[in-house]
């Protein structure tokens, strides 16, 4: 017999895997909130899971290990997409600033100052 905490862990892991695969930019905030709540739920469930394990629970544990690797991979991809979007946003801001004021970042060393600039 498998403990309910392990079954709840598996369900939370499956939901976490599905949430991490969502790539819609307009729903990113909701996805982050879902991921955080699922991770918190798994933290709470982890306290209830302790040895000794039955044979069925050990088999489920092996499946959960494979699922955990997939979750880690998807969460890493999700955070990398967020990082890429943040860096693109910063570079767009920099390009807009240089377009508005093209001579704003010109180095002036004080030896010669061009007044026509």
C-alpha atoms as a PDB file:
ATOM      1  CA  UNK A   1       0.000   0.000   0.000  1.00  0.00           C
ATOM      2  CA  UNK A   2       1.270   3.422  -0.939  1.00  0.00           C
ATOM      3  CA  UNK A   3       0.956   6.296   1.513  1.00  0.00           C
ATOM      4  CA  UNK A   4      -1.312   9.190   0.538  1.00  0.00           C
ATOM      5  CA  UNK A   5       1.593  11.630   0.949  1.00  0.00           C
ATOM      6  CA  UNK A   6       3.517   9.851  -1.820  1.00  0.00           C
ATOM      7  CA  UNK A   7       0.503   9.887  -4.116  1.00  0.00           C
ATOM      8  CA  UNK A   8      -0.018  13.588  -3.411  1.00  0.00           C
ATOM      9  CA  UNK A   9       3.702  14.168  -4.100  1.00  0.00           C
ATOM     10  CA  UNK A  10       3.378  12.389  -7.464  1.00  0.00           C
ATOM     11  CA  UNK A  11       0.294  14.436  -8.374  1.00  0.00           C
ATOM     12  CA  UNK A  12       2.015  17.679  -7.379  1.00  0.00           C
ATOM     13  CA  UNK A  13       5.081  16.696  -9.408  1.00  0.00           C
ATOM     14  CA  UNK A  14       2.963  15.968 -12.484  1.00  0.00           C
ATOM     15  CA  UNK A  15       1.207  19.319 -12.101  1.00  0.00           C
ATOM     16  CA  UNK A  16       4.552  21.046 -11.635  1.00  0.00           C
ATOM     17  CA  UNK A  17       5.898  19.443 -14.794  1.00  0.00           C
ATOM     18  CA  UNK A  18       2.849  20.578 -16.763  1.00  0.00           C
ATOM     19  CA  UNK A  19       3.074  24.115 -15.355  1.00  0.00           C
ATOM     20  CA  UNK A  20       6.780  24.418 -16.172  1.00  0.00           C
ATOM     21  CA  UNK A  21       6.094  23.514 -19.798  1.00  0.00           C
ATOM     22  CA  UNK A  22       3.744  26.470 -20.293  1.00  0.00           C
ATOM     23  CA  UNK A  23       5.433  29.033 -22.495  1.00  0.00           C
ATOM     24  CA  UNK A  24       2.778  31.712 -22.910  1.00  0.00           C
ATOM     25  CA  UNK A  25       4.296  35.091 -22.042  1.00  0.00           C
ATOM     26  CA  UNK A  26       0.956  36.671 -21.174  1.00  0.00           C
ATOM     27  CA  UNK A  27       0.304  34.017 -18.498  1.00  0.00           C
ATOM     28  CA  UNK A  28       3.801  33.983 -17.024  1.00  0.00           C
ATOM     29  CA  UNK A  29       2.836  35.587 -13.694  1.00  0.00           C
ATOM     30  CA  UNK A  30       0.075  33.041 -13.127  1.00  0.00           C
ATOM     31  CA  UNK A  31       2.442  30.216 -14.075  1.00  0.00           C
ATOM     32  CA  UNK A  32       5.057  31.439 -11.589  1.00  0.00           C
ATOM     33  CA  UNK A  33       2.415  31.605  -8.851  1.00  0.00           C
ATOM     34  CA  UNK A  34       1.284  28.049  -9.650  1.00  0.00           C
ATOM     35  CA  UNK A  35       4.863  26.766  -9.625  1.00  0.00           C
ATOM     36  CA  UNK A  36       5.569  28.421  -6.273  1.00  0.00           C
ATOM     37  CA  UNK A  37       2.422  26.978  -4.701  1.00  0.00           C
ATOM     38  CA  UNK A  38       3.224  23.483  -5.990  1.00  0.00           C
ATOM     39  CA  UNK A  39       6.782  23.690  -4.691  1.00  0.00           C
ATOM     40  CA  UNK A  40       5.466  24.794  -1.283  1.00  0.00           C
ATOM     41  CA  UNK A  41       2.989  21.908  -1.286  1.00  0.00           C
ATOM     42  CA  UNK A  42       5.780  19.459  -2.051  1.00  0.00           C
ATOM     43  CA  UNK A  43       7.868  20.912   0.796  1.00  0.00           C
ATOM     44  CA  UNK A  44       5.000  20.263   3.193  1.00  0.00           C
ATOM     45  CA  UNK A  45       4.520  16.730   1.869  1.00  0.00           C
ATOM     46  CA  UNK A  46       8.210  15.968   2.199  1.00  0.00           C
ATOM     47  CA  UNK A  47       7.908  16.116   5.985  1.00  0.00           C
ATOM     48  CA  UNK A  48       5.346  13.297   5.902  1.00  0.00           C
ATOM     49  CA  UNK A  49       7.478  10.978   3.782  1.00  0.00           C
ATOM     50  CA  UNK A  50       9.883   8.914   5.844  1.00  0.00           C
ATOM     51  CA  UNK A  51      11.249   5.384   5.998  1.00  0.00           C
ATOM     52  CA  UNK A  52      10.449   2.483   6.152  1.00  0.00           C
ATOM     53  CA  UNK A  53       9.156   2.099   2.618  1.00  0.00           C
ATOM     54  CA  UNK A  54       7.231  -0.815   1.187  1.00  0.00           C
ATOM     55  CA  UNK A  55       8.182  -2.435  -2.117  1.00  0.00           C
ATOM     56  CA  UNK A  56       5.397  -0.574  -3.924  1.00  0.00           C
ATOM     57  CA  UNK A  57       6.605   2.706  -2.447  1.00  0.00           C
ATOM     58  CA  UNK A  58      10.173   1.962  -3.536  1.00  0.00           C
ATOM     59  CA  UNK A  59       8.978   1.333  -7.092  1.00  0.00           C
ATOM     60  CA  UNK A  60       7.020   4.592  -7.005  1.00  0.00           C
ATOM     61  CA  UNK A  61      10.121   6.318  -5.638  1.00  0.00           C
ATOM     62  CA  UNK A  62      12.101   5.234  -8.698  1.00  0.00           C
ATOM     63  CA  UNK A  63       9.421   6.693 -10.961  1.00  0.00           C
ATOM     64  CA  UNK A  64       9.434   9.887  -8.919  1.00  0.00           C
ATOM     65  CA  UNK A  65      13.206  10.114  -9.322  1.00  0.00           C
ATOM     66  CA  UNK A  66      12.824  10.099 -13.104  1.00  0.00           C
ATOM     67  CA  UNK A  67      10.016  12.654 -12.883  1.00  0.00           C
ATOM     68  CA  UNK A  68      12.128  14.833 -10.595  1.00  0.00           C
ATOM     69  CA  UNK A  69      14.911  14.985 -13.192  1.00  0.00           C
ATOM     70  CA  UNK A  70      12.378  16.066 -15.816  1.00  0.00           C
ATOM     71  CA  UNK A  71      10.988  18.723 -13.451  1.00  0.00           C
ATOM     72  CA  UNK A  72      14.473  20.091 -12.809  1.00  0.00           C
ATOM     73  CA  UNK A  73      15.131  20.268 -16.545  1.00  0.00           C
ATOM     74  CA  UNK A  74      11.850  22.055 -17.290  1.00  0.00           C
ATOM     75  CA  UNK A  75      12.263  24.518 -14.415  1.00  0.00           C
ATOM     76  CA  UNK A  76      15.773  25.332 -15.629  1.00  0.00           C
ATOM     77  CA  UNK A  77      14.438  25.983 -19.131  1.00  0.00           C
ATOM     78  CA  UNK A  78      11.627  28.108 -17.696  1.00  0.00           C
ATOM     79  CA  UNK A  79      14.020  30.278 -15.679  1.00  0.00           C
ATOM     80  CA  UNK A  80      16.360  30.599 -18.666  1.00  0.00           C
ATOM     81  CA  UNK A  81      13.472  31.891 -20.791  1.00  0.00           C
ATOM     82  CA  UNK A  82      12.722  34.465 -18.121  1.00  0.00           C
ATOM     83  CA  UNK A  83      16.385  35.520 -17.971  1.00  0.00           C
ATOM     84  CA  UNK A  84      16.525  35.862 -21.754  1.00  0.00           C
ATOM     85  CA  UNK A  85      13.394  38.021 -21.760  1.00  0.00           C
ATOM     86  CA  UNK A  86      14.823  40.241 -19.011  1.00  0.00           C
ATOM     87  CA  UNK A  87      18.111  40.720 -20.873  1.00  0.00           C
ATOM     88  CA  UNK A  88      16.256  41.481 -24.117  1.00  0.00           C
ATOM     89  CA  UNK A  89      14.139  44.033 -22.290  1.00  0.00           C
ATOM     90  CA  UNK A  90      17.228  45.719 -20.855  1.00  0.00           C
ATOM     91  CA  UNK A  91      18.934  45.844 -24.231  1.00  0.00           C
ATOM     92  CA  UNK A  92      15.814  47.368 -25.806  1.00  0.00           C
ATOM     93  CA  UNK A  93      15.837  50.087 -23.143  1.00  0.00           C
ATOM     94  CA  UNK A  94      19.495  50.793 -23.864  1.00  0.00           C
ATOM     95  CA  UNK A  95      18.831  51.004 -27.610  1.00  0.00           C
ATOM     96  CA  UNK A  96      15.973  53.432 -27.064  1.00  0.00           C
ATOM     97  CA  UNK A  97      18.172  55.637 -24.873  1.00  0.00           C
ATOM     98  CA  UNK A  98      20.955  55.708 -27.462  1.00  0.00           C
ATOM     99  CA  UNK A  99      18.451  56.454 -30.212  1.00  0.00           C
ATOM    100  CA  UNK A 100      16.976  59.387 -28.306  1.00  0.00           C
ATOM    101  CA  UNK A 101      20.371  60.771 -27.253  1.00  0.00           C
ATOM    102  CA  UNK A 102      23.079  59.394 -29.581  1.00  0.00           C
ATOM    103  CA  UNK A 103      25.862  61.506 -28.051  1.00  0.00           C
ATOM    104  CA  UNK A 104      25.034  60.769 -24.439  1.00  0.00           C
ATOM    105  CA  UNK A 105      27.760  58.149 -24.001  1.00  0.00           C
ATOM    106  CA  UNK A 106      30.570  59.948 -25.819  1.00  0.00           C
ATOM    107  CA  UNK A 107      33.746  60.061 -23.751  1.00  0.00           C
ATOM    108  CA  UNK A 108      35.138  63.524 -23.260  1.00  0.00           C
ATOM    109  CA  UNK A 109      38.627  63.525 -21.870  1.00  0.00           C
ATOM    110  CA  UNK A 110      38.955  67.309 -21.568  1.00  0.00           C
ATOM    111  CA  UNK A 111      41.852  67.779 -23.965  1.00  0.00           C
ATOM    112  CA  UNK A 112      39.714  68.719 -26.916  1.00  0.00           C
ATOM    113  CA  UNK A 113      36.043  69.548 -26.717  1.00  0.00           C
ATOM    114  CA  UNK A 114      34.146  69.811 -29.975  1.00  0.00           C
ATOM    115  CA  UNK A 115      31.492  72.474 -29.587  1.00  0.00           C
ATOM    116  CA  UNK A 116      29.581  71.319 -32.665  1.00  0.00           C
ATOM    117  CA  UNK A 117      28.658  68.104 -30.997  1.00  0.00           C
END
